[in-house]
Amino acid sequence: MTRNETILSHLKTGQPITNMMATHLYKITSLQEAIRDLRSEGHVIRTHMEHKNGKRYGRYTLQVIAGSDTAQASLL
């Protein structure tokens, strides 16, 4: 499974993903590139900026589009 397929599969479960999660769970260190690639393929992925301990990071979720064959529950 490719990097992009792995990230898309994770997002389709309805769970968000962060850079730290991608590194820990899948050994993927280029999450932002994967998100960019998936968006260019037409997937609607939302970025939620989080702040914790004075640091800022993105939490990504797959947006549900009614009637889409890739529509899954999302934590929006």
N, C-alpha and C. Protein backbone atom coordinates (compact mmCIF):
# COMPACT_ATOMS: atom_id res chain seq x y z
N MET A 1 0.85 -1.17 0.00
CA MET A 1 0.00 0.00 0.00
C MET A 1 0.91 1.24 0.00
N THR A 2 0.58 2.20 -0.85
CA THR A 2 1.38 3.42 -0.93
C THR A 2 1.10 4.34 0.25
N ARG A 3 1.94 5.34 0.40
CA ARG A 3 1.76 6.34 1.46
C ARG A 3 0.38 6.97 1.36
N ASN A 4 0.00 7.42 0.17
CA ASN A 4 -1.29 8.08 -0.02
C ASN A 4 -2.46 7.14 0.27
N GLU A 5 -2.35 5.90 -0.17
CA GLU A 5 -3.40 4.91 0.09
C GLU A 5 -3.54 4.65 1.59
N THR A 6 -2.42 4.61 2.28
CA THR A 6 -2.44 4.38 3.73
C THR A 6 -3.15 5.52 4.44
N ILE A 7 -2.81 6.76 4.08
CA ILE A 7 -3.43 7.92 4.72
C ILE A 7 -4.91 7.99 4.38
N LEU A 8 -5.27 7.76 3.12
CA LEU A 8 -6.67 7.79 2.72
C LEU A 8 -7.46 6.70 3.44
N SER A 9 -6.90 5.53 3.56
CA SER A 9 -7.56 4.44 4.27
C SER A 9 -7.82 4.83 5.73
N HIS A 10 -6.85 5.45 6.36
CA HIS A 10 -7.02 5.91 7.74
C HIS A 10 -8.14 6.94 7.82
N LEU A 11 -8.13 7.92 6.94
CA LEU A 11 -9.15 8.98 6.96
C LEU A 11 -10.55 8.42 6.71
N LYS A 12 -10.65 7.40 5.88
CA LYS A 12 -11.95 6.80 5.57
C LYS A 12 -12.58 6.11 6.77
N THR A 13 -11.80 5.83 7.79
CA THR A 13 -12.36 5.24 9.01
C THR A 13 -13.12 6.28 9.82
N GLY A 14 -12.99 7.56 9.44
CA GLY A 14 -13.65 8.63 10.18
C GLY A 14 -12.77 9.24 11.26
N GLN A 15 -11.58 8.71 11.40
CA GLN A 15 -10.66 9.22 12.41
C GLN A 15 -9.78 10.32 11.82
N PRO A 16 -9.47 11.33 12.62
CA PRO A 16 -8.54 12.36 12.15
C PRO A 16 -7.12 11.83 12.16
N ILE A 17 -6.21 12.57 11.53
CA ILE A 17 -4.80 12.19 11.58
C ILE A 17 -3.96 13.46 11.72
N THR A 18 -2.89 13.34 12.48
CA THR A 18 -1.92 14.42 12.64
C THR A 18 -0.57 13.90 12.16
N ASN A 19 0.38 14.80 12.04
CA ASN A 19 1.72 14.40 11.62
C ASN A 19 2.32 13.40 12.61
N MET A 20 2.12 13.65 13.90
CA MET A 20 2.65 12.74 14.92
C MET A 20 2.01 11.36 14.81
N MET A 21 0.71 11.31 14.57
CA MET A 21 0.02 10.03 14.42
C MET A 21 0.54 9.28 13.19
N ALA A 22 0.70 9.99 12.07
CA ALA A 22 1.17 9.36 10.84
C ALA A 22 2.56 8.76 11.03
N THR A 23 3.41 9.49 11.75
CA THR A 23 4.76 9.00 12.01
C THR A 23 4.72 7.79 12.93
N HIS A 24 3.95 7.88 13.99
CA HIS A 24 3.89 6.80 14.99
C HIS A 24 3.20 5.54 14.45
N LEU A 25 2.05 5.71 13.81
CA LEU A 25 1.27 4.56 13.35
C LEU A 25 1.81 3.92 12.08
N TYR A 26 2.26 4.77 11.14
CA TYR A 26 2.58 4.27 9.80
C TYR A 26 4.01 4.55 9.35
N LYS A 27 4.80 5.18 10.19
CA LYS A 27 6.18 5.56 9.83
C LYS A 27 6.21 6.50 8.62
N ILE A 28 5.15 7.32 8.49
CA ILE A 28 5.06 8.29 7.40
C ILE A 28 5.46 9.65 7.95
N THR A 29 6.52 10.22 7.37
CA THR A 29 7.01 11.52 7.84
C THR A 29 6.65 12.66 6.91
N SER A 30 5.93 12.37 5.86
CA SER A 30 5.57 13.39 4.87
C SER A 30 4.05 13.51 4.74
N LEU A 31 3.38 13.68 5.87
CA LEU A 31 1.92 13.73 5.86
C LEU A 31 1.40 14.89 5.01
N GLN A 32 2.03 16.05 5.13
CA GLN A 32 1.55 17.21 4.38
C GLN A 32 1.60 16.97 2.87
N GLU A 33 2.62 16.28 2.41
CA GLU A 33 2.71 15.94 0.98
C GLU A 33 1.60 14.98 0.59
N ALA A 34 1.33 14.00 1.41
CA ALA A 34 0.26 13.04 1.13
C ALA A 34 -1.08 13.74 1.08
N ILE A 35 -1.33 14.66 2.02
CA ILE A 35 -2.59 15.41 2.04
C ILE A 35 -2.71 16.24 0.77
N ARG A 36 -1.64 16.90 0.37
CA ARG A 36 -1.65 17.70 -0.86
C ARG A 36 -1.97 16.82 -2.07
N ASP A 37 -1.34 15.66 -2.15
CA ASP A 37 -1.59 14.74 -3.27
C ASP A 37 -3.04 14.27 -3.29
N LEU A 38 -3.56 13.90 -2.13
CA LEU A 38 -4.95 13.43 -2.04
C LEU A 38 -5.93 14.53 -2.43
N ARG A 39 -5.65 15.75 -2.01
CA ARG A 39 -6.51 16.88 -2.41
C ARG A 39 -6.47 17.08 -3.92
N SER A 40 -5.29 16.93 -4.51
CA SER A 40 -5.18 17.12 -5.96
C SER A 40 -5.92 16.02 -6.72
N GLU A 41 -6.15 14.88 -6.08
CA GLU A 41 -6.93 13.79 -6.67
C GLU A 41 -8.42 14.00 -6.49
N GLY A 42 -8.80 15.07 -5.78
CA GLY A 42 -10.21 15.39 -5.61
C GLY A 42 -10.81 15.08 -4.25
N HIS A 43 -10.03 14.54 -3.35
CA HIS A 43 -10.53 14.25 -2.00
C HIS A 43 -10.63 15.55 -1.22
N VAL A 44 -11.73 15.72 -0.50
CA VAL A 44 -11.93 16.93 0.29
C VAL A 44 -11.47 16.64 1.71
N ILE A 45 -10.33 17.23 2.06
CA ILE A 45 -9.73 17.00 3.37
C ILE A 45 -9.65 18.34 4.09
N ARG A 46 -10.22 18.38 5.27
CA ARG A 46 -10.23 19.61 6.07
C ARG A 46 -9.04 19.62 7.02
N THR A 47 -8.52 20.82 7.23
CA THR A 47 -7.45 21.03 8.20
C THR A 47 -8.01 21.79 9.38
N HIS A 48 -7.84 21.25 10.55
CA HIS A 48 -8.25 21.91 11.79
C HIS A 48 -6.96 22.22 12.55
N MET A 49 -6.68 23.50 12.75
CA MET A 49 -5.46 23.87 13.47
C MET A 49 -5.70 23.74 14.97
N GLU A 50 -4.80 23.03 15.62
CA GLU A 50 -4.87 22.78 17.06
C GLU A 50 -3.71 23.48 17.74
N HIS A 51 -3.91 23.84 18.99
CA HIS A 51 -2.86 24.46 19.80
C HIS A 51 -2.72 23.65 21.09
N LYS A 52 -1.50 23.21 21.37
CA LYS A 52 -1.25 22.44 22.58
C LYS A 52 0.16 22.73 23.07
N ASN A 53 0.27 23.07 24.33
CA ASN A 53 1.58 23.36 24.93
C ASN A 53 2.36 24.41 24.14
N GLY A 54 1.65 25.41 23.65
CA GLY A 54 2.30 26.49 22.91
C GLY A 54 2.69 26.13 21.49
N LYS A 55 2.32 24.95 21.03
CA LYS A 55 2.65 24.53 19.66
C LYS A 55 1.38 24.41 18.85
N ARG A 56 1.52 24.62 17.56
CA ARG A 56 0.39 24.57 16.64
C ARG A 56 0.61 23.43 15.64
N TYR A 57 -0.44 22.68 15.38
CA TYR A 57 -0.33 21.58 14.41
C TYR A 57 -1.67 21.35 13.73
N GLY A 58 -1.64 20.70 12.57
CA GLY A 58 -2.85 20.43 11.82
C GLY A 58 -3.41 19.05 12.13
N ARG A 59 -4.72 18.99 12.24
CA ARG A 59 -5.45 17.72 12.40
C ARG A 59 -6.32 17.61 11.15
N TYR A 60 -6.15 16.55 10.39
CA TYR A 60 -6.82 16.40 9.10
C TYR A 60 -7.98 15.42 9.19
N THR A 61 -9.09 15.76 8.54
CA THR A 61 -10.25 14.88 8.47
C THR A 61 -10.76 14.85 7.03
N LEU A 62 -11.33 13.72 6.65
CA LEU A 62 -11.94 13.57 5.34
C LEU A 62 -13.37 14.07 5.42
N GLN A 63 -13.72 15.00 4.55
CA GLN A 63 -15.08 15.54 4.55
C GLN A 63 -16.02 14.60 3.83
N VAL A 64 -17.18 14.40 4.42
CA VAL A 64 -18.21 13.55 3.82
C VAL A 64 -18.91 14.32 2.72
N ILE A 65 -19.02 13.71 1.55
CA ILE A 65 -19.76 14.29 0.44
C ILE A 65 -20.87 13.31 0.10
N ALA A 66 -22.10 13.74 0.27
CA ALA A 66 -23.25 12.86 0.03
C ALA A 66 -23.20 12.27 -1.37
N GLY A 67 -23.42 10.97 -1.45
CA GLY A 67 -23.43 10.29 -2.73
C GLY A 67 -22.06 9.90 -3.24
N SER A 68 -21.01 10.28 -2.54
CA SER A 68 -19.66 9.96 -2.96
C SER A 68 -19.36 8.50 -2.64
N ASP A 69 -18.62 7.84 -3.52
CA ASP A 69 -18.28 6.45 -3.26
C ASP A 69 -17.21 6.33 -2.17
N THR A 70 -16.58 7.45 -1.80
CA THR A 70 -15.59 7.43 -0.74
C THR A 70 -16.09 8.09 0.53
N ALA A 71 -17.38 8.42 0.56
CA ALA A 71 -17.94 9.11 1.73
C ALA A 71 -17.90 8.19 2.95
N GLN A 72 -17.35 8.70 4.02
CA GLN A 72 -17.28 7.97 5.28
C GLN A 72 -17.59 8.96 6.39
N ALA A 73 -17.86 8.46 7.56
CA ALA A 73 -18.10 9.33 8.71
C ALA A 73 -16.85 10.16 8.97
N SER A 74 -17.05 11.38 9.36
CA SER A 74 -15.95 12.28 9.63
C SER A 74 -16.17 12.97 10.97
N LEU A 75 -15.11 13.29 11.63
CA LEU A 75 -15.21 13.98 12.92
C LEU A 75 -15.16 15.48 12.68
N LEU A 76 -16.16 16.01 12.03
CA LEU A 76 -16.19 17.45 11.75
C LEU A 76 -16.96 18.17 12.81
